[in-house]
Every structure is written in structure tokens, then in C-alpha cells.
Amino acid sequence: MKKFVRFVDAMNNGIAKWACLLILPMAGVTFYEVIMRRVLNMPTKWGFEMTVYLYGAHFLLGMAATYLYDRHVRIDVIVLQLPKKIQILLRLITFWLIFVPFVGCFTYAATMYAAHSWAVWEHSWSAWKPPLYPYKTLMPVSMFLLFLQGIANFIREYYQLKGEKI
């Protein structure tokens, strides 16, 4: 179990570090588009759409690491007033009541969405018409990574409840 937790943590951390690098081409494309549009009055067909896809990939690939570092938004004003063991117990319970059903349904829906995109070789409706199936494949992949991170966090918190540390 401990090896699984360490593996998932390291994998999602590594993926997030690579995903952070997507900011560089996104900034470059944005800069290029601004120069072409505002200075040379020759806007590109692909600039805006490319930045949307790059940011989407950045966002999707960073979800699991965000969960690893407990940085997702949540309202926990009342929960923070409870003893630490009760907080952990509530996280373990809500994992099964909220996290697993949500991520499971979203993973299933995203997989169907991506499979359909691959089946019809879907392309964007824009003038540029890039293929959408690789981008849509990131949706179920990122949800699966989030699910694995959720399992790893559950195991870590279970051991923490028992007084052990991973």
C-alpha cells in the first residue's frame, strides 16, 4: 500500500511539473497572436484556439497534483473547528459518498465523450479545424489520475487515522 501511495504521488507530481511547462508555449502563442493582430493587423486562425487547448491540458493534467497538495477549493470553516481525528474520519467518509461517485461518473462520461470523438475523427468547427480527439482523451486520463490520487490520499489518511505515517 505504501509503495502504491508513493508511486501515485510521484507520478502525479511529475505529470504536474511537465504540465506547468505548457504555460510557456501558451504565453508564446498569446504573444504571437497579439503582435499579429494588434501590430501587423494579420490575426491568425489558430492563436486563440491553441491557447484554449494548451490551458485546458494544463488544467486537466494538474488536477491530480492539486488534490495531492490539498489545494482544491472547499468550504471547511466548521470542519476545521473539529478535532484532527474527526476531520480525517469525515474526509474518509466523504471520499466514498462524494468523491468516488463524482469522479466515477465524470470518468465514464469523459470516456464516452472521448470515444465518440475518436470514432468520428472529430475536428473543431473553427477555420483552423484542429483534431479534438487527442484533447478530449485528456479528460478521462486526467480523471483517472485524479481517482488514483484520491485512492492514495484515502490510504494515507486511513494510516494517519491509525496513527501511522506514510
N, C-alpha and C. Protein backbone atom coordinates (compact mmCIF):
# COMPACT_ATOMS: atom_id res chain seq x y z
N MET A 1 0.82 -1.19 0.00
CA MET A 1 0.00 0.00 0.00
C MET A 1 0.86 1.26 0.00
N LYS A 2 1.89 1.25 0.83
CA LYS A 2 2.74 2.43 0.93
C LYS A 2 3.48 2.69 -0.38
N LYS A 3 3.88 1.61 -1.06
CA LYS A 3 4.55 1.77 -2.35
C LYS A 3 3.60 2.36 -3.38
N PHE A 4 2.34 1.92 -3.34
CA PHE A 4 1.34 2.45 -4.26
C PHE A 4 1.16 3.95 -4.04
N VAL A 5 1.05 4.35 -2.78
CA VAL A 5 0.86 5.77 -2.45
C VAL A 5 2.05 6.58 -2.95
N ARG A 6 3.25 6.10 -2.67
CA ARG A 6 4.45 6.83 -3.12
C ARG A 6 4.52 6.91 -4.64
N PHE A 7 4.17 5.80 -5.31
CA PHE A 7 4.20 5.77 -6.77
C PHE A 7 3.21 6.78 -7.36
N VAL A 8 1.97 6.77 -6.87
CA VAL A 8 0.94 7.68 -7.39
C VAL A 8 1.32 9.13 -7.11
N ASP A 9 1.81 9.40 -5.91
CA ASP A 9 2.25 10.76 -5.58
C ASP A 9 3.35 11.23 -6.52
N ALA A 10 4.35 10.38 -6.74
CA ALA A 10 5.47 10.74 -7.61
C ALA A 10 5.01 10.91 -9.05
N MET A 11 4.14 10.01 -9.51
CA MET A 11 3.65 10.09 -10.89
C MET A 11 2.88 11.39 -11.12
N ASN A 12 1.94 11.70 -10.25
CA ASN A 12 1.14 12.91 -10.42
C ASN A 12 1.97 14.17 -10.23
N ASN A 13 2.94 14.10 -9.35
CA ASN A 13 3.83 15.24 -9.17
C ASN A 13 4.65 15.47 -10.43
N GLY A 14 5.16 14.40 -11.03
CA GLY A 14 5.93 14.51 -12.26
C GLY A 14 5.09 15.02 -13.42
N ILE A 15 3.88 14.50 -13.55
CA ILE A 15 2.98 14.95 -14.62
C ILE A 15 2.67 16.44 -14.45
N ALA A 16 2.44 16.86 -13.22
CA ALA A 16 2.14 18.27 -12.97
C ALA A 16 3.33 19.17 -13.31
N LYS A 17 4.53 18.70 -13.03
CA LYS A 17 5.71 19.50 -13.37
C LYS A 17 5.82 19.69 -14.88
N TRP A 18 5.53 18.64 -15.64
CA TRP A 18 5.54 18.76 -17.10
C TRP A 18 4.38 19.63 -17.56
N ALA A 19 3.22 19.50 -16.92
CA ALA A 19 2.06 20.30 -17.31
C ALA A 19 2.31 21.79 -17.08
N CYS A 20 3.08 22.11 -16.06
CA CYS A 20 3.41 23.51 -15.80
C CYS A 20 4.15 24.13 -16.98
N LEU A 21 4.90 23.32 -17.68
CA LEU A 21 5.66 23.83 -18.83
C LEU A 21 4.75 24.26 -19.98
N LEU A 22 3.50 23.83 -19.97
CA LEU A 22 2.57 24.25 -21.02
C LEU A 22 2.28 25.75 -20.98
N ILE A 23 2.59 26.38 -19.85
CA ILE A 23 2.41 27.82 -19.74
C ILE A 23 3.32 28.55 -20.73
N LEU A 24 4.52 28.00 -20.96
CA LEU A 24 5.48 28.66 -21.86
C LEU A 24 4.98 28.75 -23.30
N PRO A 25 4.57 27.64 -23.93
CA PRO A 25 4.03 27.80 -25.29
C PRO A 25 2.73 28.60 -25.31
N MET A 26 1.94 28.51 -24.24
CA MET A 26 0.71 29.28 -24.19
C MET A 26 1.02 30.78 -24.19
N ALA A 27 2.00 31.18 -23.40
CA ALA A 27 2.40 32.59 -23.39
C ALA A 27 2.99 33.00 -24.74
N GLY A 28 3.77 32.11 -25.34
CA GLY A 28 4.36 32.40 -26.65
C GLY A 28 3.30 32.58 -27.72
N VAL A 29 2.32 31.69 -27.75
CA VAL A 29 1.24 31.78 -28.74
C VAL A 29 0.42 33.05 -28.51
N THR A 30 0.15 33.37 -27.25
CA THR A 30 -0.60 34.59 -26.94
C THR A 30 0.16 35.82 -27.39
N PHE A 31 1.45 35.86 -27.09
CA PHE A 31 2.29 36.99 -27.51
C PHE A 31 2.29 37.11 -29.04
N TYR A 32 2.47 35.99 -29.71
CA TYR A 32 2.49 35.98 -31.18
C TYR A 32 1.15 36.49 -31.74
N GLU A 33 0.06 36.02 -31.16
CA GLU A 33 -1.27 36.43 -31.63
C GLU A 33 -1.48 37.92 -31.42
N VAL A 34 -1.06 38.45 -30.29
CA VAL A 34 -1.21 39.88 -30.02
C VAL A 34 -0.41 40.70 -31.03
N ILE A 35 0.81 40.30 -31.28
CA ILE A 35 1.65 41.02 -32.25
C ILE A 35 1.01 40.96 -33.65
N MET A 36 0.59 39.76 -34.04
CA MET A 36 -0.01 39.62 -35.37
C MET A 36 -1.31 40.42 -35.49
N ARG A 37 -2.12 40.41 -34.45
CA ARG A 37 -3.42 41.07 -34.51
C ARG A 37 -3.31 42.58 -34.35
N ARG A 38 -2.58 43.03 -33.34
CA ARG A 38 -2.56 44.45 -32.99
C ARG A 38 -1.51 45.26 -33.75
N VAL A 39 -0.37 44.65 -34.00
CA VAL A 39 0.72 45.39 -34.64
C VAL A 39 0.66 45.25 -36.16
N LEU A 40 0.55 44.01 -36.63
CA LEU A 40 0.60 43.76 -38.07
C LEU A 40 -0.79 43.68 -38.72
N ASN A 41 -1.84 43.72 -37.90
CA ASN A 41 -3.22 43.64 -38.38
C ASN A 41 -3.45 42.40 -39.25
N MET A 42 -2.84 41.27 -38.83
CA MET A 42 -2.99 39.99 -39.54
C MET A 42 -3.25 38.88 -38.52
N PRO A 43 -4.46 38.83 -37.96
CA PRO A 43 -4.72 37.81 -36.93
C PRO A 43 -4.61 36.40 -37.49
N THR A 44 -4.23 35.48 -36.62
CA THR A 44 -4.12 34.08 -37.04
C THR A 44 -5.48 33.40 -36.88
N LYS A 45 -5.63 32.27 -37.54
CA LYS A 45 -6.84 31.47 -37.40
C LYS A 45 -6.75 30.56 -36.18
N TRP A 46 -5.56 30.32 -35.71
CA TRP A 46 -5.34 29.29 -34.72
C TRP A 46 -4.91 29.79 -33.34
N GLY A 47 -4.50 31.03 -33.20
CA GLY A 47 -3.90 31.52 -31.96
C GLY A 47 -4.76 31.36 -30.73
N PHE A 48 -5.97 31.91 -30.78
CA PHE A 48 -6.84 31.86 -29.61
C PHE A 48 -7.19 30.42 -29.25
N GLU A 49 -7.55 29.64 -30.26
CA GLU A 49 -7.95 28.25 -30.02
C GLU A 49 -6.80 27.44 -29.42
N MET A 50 -5.60 27.68 -29.90
CA MET A 50 -4.43 26.97 -29.38
C MET A 50 -4.21 27.29 -27.90
N THR A 51 -4.38 28.55 -27.52
CA THR A 51 -4.21 28.90 -26.10
C THR A 51 -5.27 28.23 -25.24
N VAL A 52 -6.48 28.11 -25.76
CA VAL A 52 -7.55 27.43 -25.02
C VAL A 52 -7.18 25.96 -24.80
N TYR A 53 -6.69 25.30 -25.84
CA TYR A 53 -6.32 23.88 -25.72
C TYR A 53 -5.12 23.69 -24.80
N LEU A 54 -4.15 24.57 -24.90
CA LEU A 54 -2.98 24.46 -24.02
C LEU A 54 -3.37 24.67 -22.56
N TYR A 55 -4.21 25.69 -22.30
CA TYR A 55 -4.63 25.91 -20.93
C TYR A 55 -5.50 24.75 -20.43
N GLY A 56 -6.37 24.24 -21.29
CA GLY A 56 -7.19 23.10 -20.89
C GLY A 56 -6.35 21.90 -20.50
N ALA A 57 -5.32 21.61 -21.30
CA ALA A 57 -4.42 20.50 -20.98
C ALA A 57 -3.68 20.78 -19.67
N HIS A 58 -3.24 22.02 -19.50
CA HIS A 58 -2.56 22.43 -18.26
C HIS A 58 -3.46 22.20 -17.05
N PHE A 59 -4.70 22.62 -17.17
CA PHE A 59 -5.67 22.48 -16.09
C PHE A 59 -5.95 21.00 -15.79
N LEU A 60 -6.25 20.24 -16.84
CA LEU A 60 -6.61 18.83 -16.65
C LEU A 60 -5.47 18.02 -16.05
N LEU A 61 -4.26 18.23 -16.56
CA LEU A 61 -3.12 17.44 -16.08
C LEU A 61 -2.66 17.86 -14.68
N GLY A 62 -3.11 19.02 -14.23
CA GLY A 62 -2.74 19.48 -12.89
C GLY A 62 -3.73 19.12 -11.80
N MET A 63 -4.88 18.56 -12.17
CA MET A 63 -5.92 18.28 -11.17
C MET A 63 -5.47 17.32 -10.09
N ALA A 64 -4.81 16.24 -10.48
CA ALA A 64 -4.42 15.22 -9.50
C ALA A 64 -3.38 15.76 -8.53
N ALA A 65 -2.41 16.51 -9.04
CA ALA A 65 -1.39 17.08 -8.16
C ALA A 65 -2.00 18.13 -7.23
N THR A 66 -3.00 18.85 -7.72
CA THR A 66 -3.69 19.81 -6.87
C THR A 66 -4.37 19.08 -5.72
N TYR A 67 -4.93 17.92 -6.00
CA TYR A 67 -5.56 17.12 -4.95
C TYR A 67 -4.50 16.54 -4.01
N LEU A 68 -3.36 16.16 -4.56
CA LEU A 68 -2.25 15.65 -3.74
C LEU A 68 -1.84 16.68 -2.69
N TYR A 69 -1.74 17.94 -3.10
CA TYR A 69 -1.31 19.00 -2.19
C TYR A 69 -2.47 19.68 -1.47
N ASP A 70 -3.67 19.11 -1.59
CA ASP A 70 -4.85 19.59 -0.88
C ASP A 70 -5.13 21.06 -1.18
N ARG A 71 -5.11 21.41 -2.46
CA ARG A 71 -5.30 22.79 -2.88
C ARG A 71 -6.62 23.04 -3.61
N HIS A 72 -7.48 22.03 -3.71
CA HIS A 72 -8.78 22.27 -4.33
C HIS A 72 -9.63 23.12 -3.38
N VAL A 73 -10.50 23.91 -3.94
CA VAL A 73 -11.34 24.81 -3.16
C VAL A 73 -12.37 24.00 -2.38
N ARG A 74 -12.50 24.33 -1.12
CA ARG A 74 -13.55 23.71 -0.31
C ARG A 74 -13.89 24.66 0.83
N ILE A 75 -15.10 24.52 1.33
CA ILE A 75 -15.54 25.34 2.44
C ILE A 75 -15.47 24.46 3.68
N ASP A 76 -14.51 24.77 4.54
CA ASP A 76 -14.28 23.91 5.70
C ASP A 76 -14.16 24.70 7.00
N VAL A 77 -14.90 25.79 7.08
CA VAL A 77 -14.84 26.64 8.27
C VAL A 77 -15.27 25.86 9.51
N ILE A 78 -16.34 25.11 9.41
CA ILE A 78 -16.84 24.35 10.56
C ILE A 78 -15.96 23.13 10.82
N VAL A 79 -15.58 22.44 9.76
CA VAL A 79 -14.78 21.22 9.91
C VAL A 79 -13.45 21.51 10.59
N LEU A 80 -12.86 22.66 10.31
CA LEU A 80 -11.56 22.99 10.92
C LEU A 80 -11.65 23.17 12.43
N GLN A 81 -12.86 23.37 12.96
CA GLN A 81 -13.04 23.52 14.41
C GLN A 81 -13.08 22.17 15.12
N LEU A 82 -13.23 21.10 14.35
CA LEU A 82 -13.32 19.76 14.93
C LEU A 82 -11.92 19.21 15.23
N PRO A 83 -11.84 18.20 16.11
CA PRO A 83 -10.55 17.56 16.36
C PRO A 83 -9.99 16.93 15.08
N LYS A 84 -8.68 16.81 15.01
CA LYS A 84 -8.00 16.32 13.81
C LYS A 84 -8.50 14.93 13.39
N LYS A 85 -8.70 14.03 14.35
CA LYS A 85 -9.16 12.67 14.01
C LYS A 85 -10.56 12.69 13.40
N ILE A 86 -11.42 13.57 13.88
CA ILE A 86 -12.77 13.69 13.32
C ILE A 86 -12.69 14.25 11.90
N GLN A 87 -11.80 15.20 11.67
CA GLN A 87 -11.61 15.75 10.32
C GLN A 87 -11.19 14.65 9.35
N ILE A 88 -10.25 13.84 9.78
CA ILE A 88 -9.77 12.74 8.92
C ILE A 88 -10.90 11.75 8.67
N LEU A 89 -11.64 11.41 9.71
CA LEU A 89 -12.76 10.47 9.57
C LEU A 89 -13.81 11.02 8.59
N LEU A 90 -14.11 12.31 8.67
CA LEU A 90 -15.05 12.92 7.74
C LEU A 90 -14.53 12.87 6.30
N ARG A 91 -13.23 13.09 6.12
CA ARG A 91 -12.64 13.00 4.77
C ARG A 91 -12.73 11.58 4.23
N LEU A 92 -12.52 10.59 5.10
CA LEU A 92 -12.62 9.19 4.67
C LEU A 92 -14.05 8.84 4.26
N ILE A 93 -15.02 9.35 5.01
CA ILE A 93 -16.43 9.07 4.69
C ILE A 93 -16.85 9.79 3.41
N THR A 94 -16.52 11.08 3.32
CA THR A 94 -16.92 11.84 2.13
C THR A 94 -16.20 11.37 0.87
N PHE A 95 -15.06 10.72 1.05
CA PHE A 95 -14.37 10.15 -0.11
C PHE A 95 -15.30 9.17 -0.82
N TRP A 96 -15.94 8.29 -0.04
CA TRP A 96 -16.82 7.27 -0.64
C TRP A 96 -18.19 7.84 -1.02
N LEU A 97 -18.67 8.83 -0.26
CA LEU A 97 -20.00 9.38 -0.54
C LEU A 97 -20.02 10.41 -1.66
N ILE A 98 -18.93 11.16 -1.82
CA ILE A 98 -18.91 12.26 -2.79
C ILE A 98 -17.85 12.06 -3.87
N PHE A 99 -16.61 11.85 -3.46
CA PHE A 99 -15.51 11.80 -4.41
C PHE A 99 -15.64 10.65 -5.40
N VAL A 100 -15.81 9.43 -4.90
CA VAL A 100 -15.86 8.25 -5.78
C VAL A 100 -17.03 8.33 -6.76
N PRO A 101 -18.26 8.63 -6.31
CA PRO A 101 -19.35 8.73 -7.30
C PRO A 101 -19.13 9.83 -8.34
N PHE A 102 -18.67 11.00 -7.89
CA PHE A 102 -18.46 12.11 -8.82
C PHE A 102 -17.37 11.78 -9.83
N VAL A 103 -16.22 11.35 -9.35
CA VAL A 103 -15.11 11.06 -10.26
C VAL A 103 -15.44 9.85 -11.14
N GLY A 104 -16.13 8.87 -10.58
CA GLY A 104 -16.53 7.71 -11.38
C GLY A 104 -17.46 8.10 -12.51
N CYS A 105 -18.49 8.87 -12.21
CA CYS A 105 -19.43 9.32 -13.25
C CYS A 105 -18.74 10.20 -14.28
N PHE A 106 -17.91 11.11 -13.80
CA PHE A 106 -17.22 12.02 -14.71
C PHE A 106 -16.25 11.25 -15.60
N THR A 107 -15.55 10.27 -15.04
CA THR A 107 -14.62 9.46 -15.84
C THR A 107 -15.38 8.69 -16.91
N TYR A 108 -16.50 8.10 -16.53
CA TYR A 108 -17.31 7.36 -17.50
C TYR A 108 -17.80 8.29 -18.62
N ALA A 109 -18.36 9.43 -18.24
CA ALA A 109 -18.88 10.37 -19.24
C ALA A 109 -17.76 10.89 -20.14
N ALA A 110 -16.62 11.20 -19.55
CA ALA A 110 -15.49 11.70 -20.34
C ALA A 110 -14.95 10.63 -21.28
N THR A 111 -14.97 9.39 -20.83
CA THR A 111 -14.52 8.28 -21.69
C THR A 111 -15.45 8.12 -22.88
N MET A 112 -16.75 8.19 -22.65
CA MET A 112 -17.71 8.10 -23.75
C MET A 112 -17.54 9.29 -24.71
N TYR A 113 -17.33 10.45 -24.15
CA TYR A 113 -17.13 11.68 -24.93
C TYR A 113 -15.89 11.55 -25.81
N ALA A 114 -14.79 11.07 -25.24
CA ALA A 114 -13.55 10.89 -26.00
C ALA A 114 -13.68 9.78 -27.03
N ALA A 115 -14.34 8.69 -26.66
CA ALA A 115 -14.51 7.56 -27.59
C ALA A 115 -15.31 7.99 -28.81
N HIS A 116 -16.35 8.77 -28.58
CA HIS A 116 -17.14 9.28 -29.71
C HIS A 116 -16.29 10.19 -30.59
N SER A 117 -15.50 11.02 -29.97
CA SER A 117 -14.63 11.93 -30.72
C SER A 117 -13.65 11.15 -31.60
N TRP A 118 -13.08 10.07 -31.05
CA TRP A 118 -12.17 9.23 -31.84
C TRP A 118 -12.94 8.50 -32.95
N ALA A 119 -14.15 8.05 -32.65
CA ALA A 119 -14.93 7.28 -33.63
C ALA A 119 -15.26 8.10 -34.88
N VAL A 120 -15.51 9.39 -34.68
CA VAL A 120 -15.87 10.24 -35.82
C VAL A 120 -14.71 11.12 -36.28
N TRP A 121 -13.53 10.91 -35.70
CA TRP A 121 -12.35 11.74 -36.01
C TRP A 121 -12.72 13.22 -35.93
N GLU A 122 -13.26 13.60 -34.78
CA GLU A 122 -13.81 14.93 -34.58
C GLU A 122 -12.75 16.03 -34.72
N HIS A 123 -13.15 17.08 -35.41
CA HIS A 123 -12.31 18.26 -35.57
C HIS A 123 -13.10 19.48 -35.10
N SER A 124 -12.39 20.52 -34.78
CA SER A 124 -13.02 21.77 -34.34
C SER A 124 -13.84 22.38 -35.48
N TRP A 125 -14.81 23.20 -35.11
CA TRP A 125 -15.64 23.87 -36.10
C TRP A 125 -15.00 25.18 -36.58
N SER A 126 -13.88 25.53 -36.02
CA SER A 126 -13.24 26.80 -36.39
C SER A 126 -12.64 26.72 -37.79
N ALA A 127 -12.13 27.84 -38.25
CA ALA A 127 -11.47 27.88 -39.57
C ALA A 127 -10.19 27.05 -39.55
N TRP A 128 -9.56 26.94 -38.40
CA TRP A 128 -8.31 26.18 -38.28
C TRP A 128 -8.56 24.67 -38.34
N LYS A 129 -9.65 24.22 -37.72
CA LYS A 129 -10.09 22.81 -37.70
C LYS A 129 -9.06 21.81 -37.16
N PRO A 130 -8.52 22.04 -35.96
CA PRO A 130 -7.60 21.04 -35.41
C PRO A 130 -8.38 19.82 -34.93
N PRO A 131 -7.73 18.66 -34.85
CA PRO A 131 -8.42 17.48 -34.31
C PRO A 131 -8.70 17.66 -32.82
N LEU A 132 -9.86 17.24 -32.39
CA LEU A 132 -10.25 17.37 -30.99
C LEU A 132 -10.05 16.09 -30.19
N TYR A 133 -9.94 14.95 -30.85
CA TYR A 133 -9.87 13.68 -30.14
C TYR A 133 -8.66 13.55 -29.22
N PRO A 134 -7.47 14.07 -29.57
CA PRO A 134 -6.37 13.97 -28.59
C PRO A 134 -6.67 14.79 -27.33
N TYR A 135 -7.22 15.98 -27.54
CA TYR A 135 -7.54 16.84 -26.41
C TYR A 135 -8.63 16.21 -25.54
N LYS A 136 -9.65 15.67 -26.17
CA LYS A 136 -10.74 15.06 -25.40
C LYS A 136 -10.30 13.80 -24.68
N THR A 137 -9.24 13.17 -25.16
CA THR A 137 -8.69 11.99 -24.48
C THR A 137 -8.07 12.38 -23.14
N LEU A 138 -7.60 13.61 -23.03
CA LEU A 138 -7.03 14.07 -21.76
C LEU A 138 -8.07 14.10 -20.64
N MET A 139 -9.33 14.25 -20.98
CA MET A 139 -10.37 14.33 -19.95
C MET A 139 -10.47 13.04 -19.14
N PRO A 140 -10.71 11.86 -19.76
CA PRO A 140 -10.76 10.65 -18.94
C PRO A 140 -9.41 10.29 -18.33
N VAL A 141 -8.32 10.60 -19.02
CA VAL A 141 -6.99 10.31 -18.46
C VAL A 141 -6.78 11.12 -17.19
N SER A 142 -7.11 12.40 -17.24
CA SER A 142 -6.91 13.24 -16.05
C SER A 142 -7.85 12.84 -14.92
N MET A 143 -9.06 12.42 -15.25
CA MET A 143 -9.97 11.96 -14.20
C MET A 143 -9.48 10.66 -13.58
N PHE A 144 -8.89 9.79 -14.39
CA PHE A 144 -8.32 8.55 -13.86
C PHE A 144 -7.14 8.87 -12.93
N LEU A 145 -6.30 9.82 -13.32
CA LEU A 145 -5.19 10.23 -12.46
C LEU A 145 -5.71 10.82 -11.15
N LEU A 146 -6.78 11.61 -11.24
CA LEU A 146 -7.40 12.17 -10.04
C LEU A 146 -7.95 11.06 -9.15
N PHE A 147 -8.57 10.05 -9.76
CA PHE A 147 -9.09 8.92 -9.00
C PHE A 147 -7.96 8.17 -8.28
N LEU A 148 -6.86 7.91 -9.01
CA LEU A 148 -5.71 7.24 -8.37
C LEU A 148 -5.18 8.07 -7.21
N GLN A 149 -5.12 9.39 -7.39
CA GLN A 149 -4.65 10.24 -6.30
C GLN A 149 -5.62 10.22 -5.14
N GLY A 150 -6.91 10.13 -5.44
CA GLY A 150 -7.90 10.01 -4.37
C GLY A 150 -7.72 8.74 -3.57
N ILE A 151 -7.45 7.62 -4.25
CA ILE A 151 -7.19 6.36 -3.56
C ILE A 151 -5.93 6.49 -2.69
N ALA A 152 -4.89 7.10 -3.24
CA ALA A 152 -3.64 7.28 -2.49
C ALA A 152 -3.88 8.16 -1.26
N ASN A 153 -4.64 9.23 -1.43
CA ASN A 153 -4.95 10.10 -0.29
C ASN A 153 -5.79 9.37 0.75
N PHE A 154 -6.73 8.55 0.28
CA PHE A 154 -7.56 7.77 1.21
C PHE A 154 -6.69 6.84 2.04
N ILE A 155 -5.78 6.13 1.39
CA ILE A 155 -4.87 5.21 2.10
C ILE A 155 -4.02 5.99 3.09
N ARG A 156 -3.48 7.13 2.67
CA ARG A 156 -2.64 7.95 3.55
C ARG A 156 -3.42 8.41 4.78
N GLU A 157 -4.67 8.86 4.56
CA GLU A 157 -5.48 9.34 5.67
C GLU A 157 -5.94 8.20 6.57
N TYR A 158 -6.15 7.02 6.00
CA TYR A 158 -6.50 5.85 6.81
C TYR A 158 -5.36 5.52 7.76
N TYR A 159 -4.15 5.48 7.23
CA TYR A 159 -2.98 5.23 8.09
C TYR A 159 -2.80 6.35 9.11
N GLN A 160 -3.09 7.57 8.69
CA GLN A 160 -2.97 8.71 9.61
C GLN A 160 -3.97 8.58 10.75
N LEU A 161 -5.16 8.09 10.46
CA LEU A 161 -6.18 7.88 11.49
C LEU A 161 -5.72 6.83 12.49
N LYS A 162 -4.99 5.82 12.00
CA LYS A 162 -4.45 4.78 12.88
C LYS A 162 -3.21 5.24 13.63
N GLY A 163 -2.72 6.43 13.31
CA GLY A 163 -1.54 6.95 14.00
C GLY A 163 -0.24 6.65 13.29
N GLU A 164 -0.31 6.10 12.08
CA GLU A 164 0.90 5.79 11.31
C GLU A 164 1.08 6.85 10.23
N LYS A 165 2.30 6.92 9.74
CA LYS A 165 2.59 7.89 8.68
C LYS A 165 3.19 7.16 7.49
N ILE A 166 2.78 7.59 6.29
CA ILE A 166 3.35 7.00 5.07
C ILE A 166 4.44 7.92 4.56
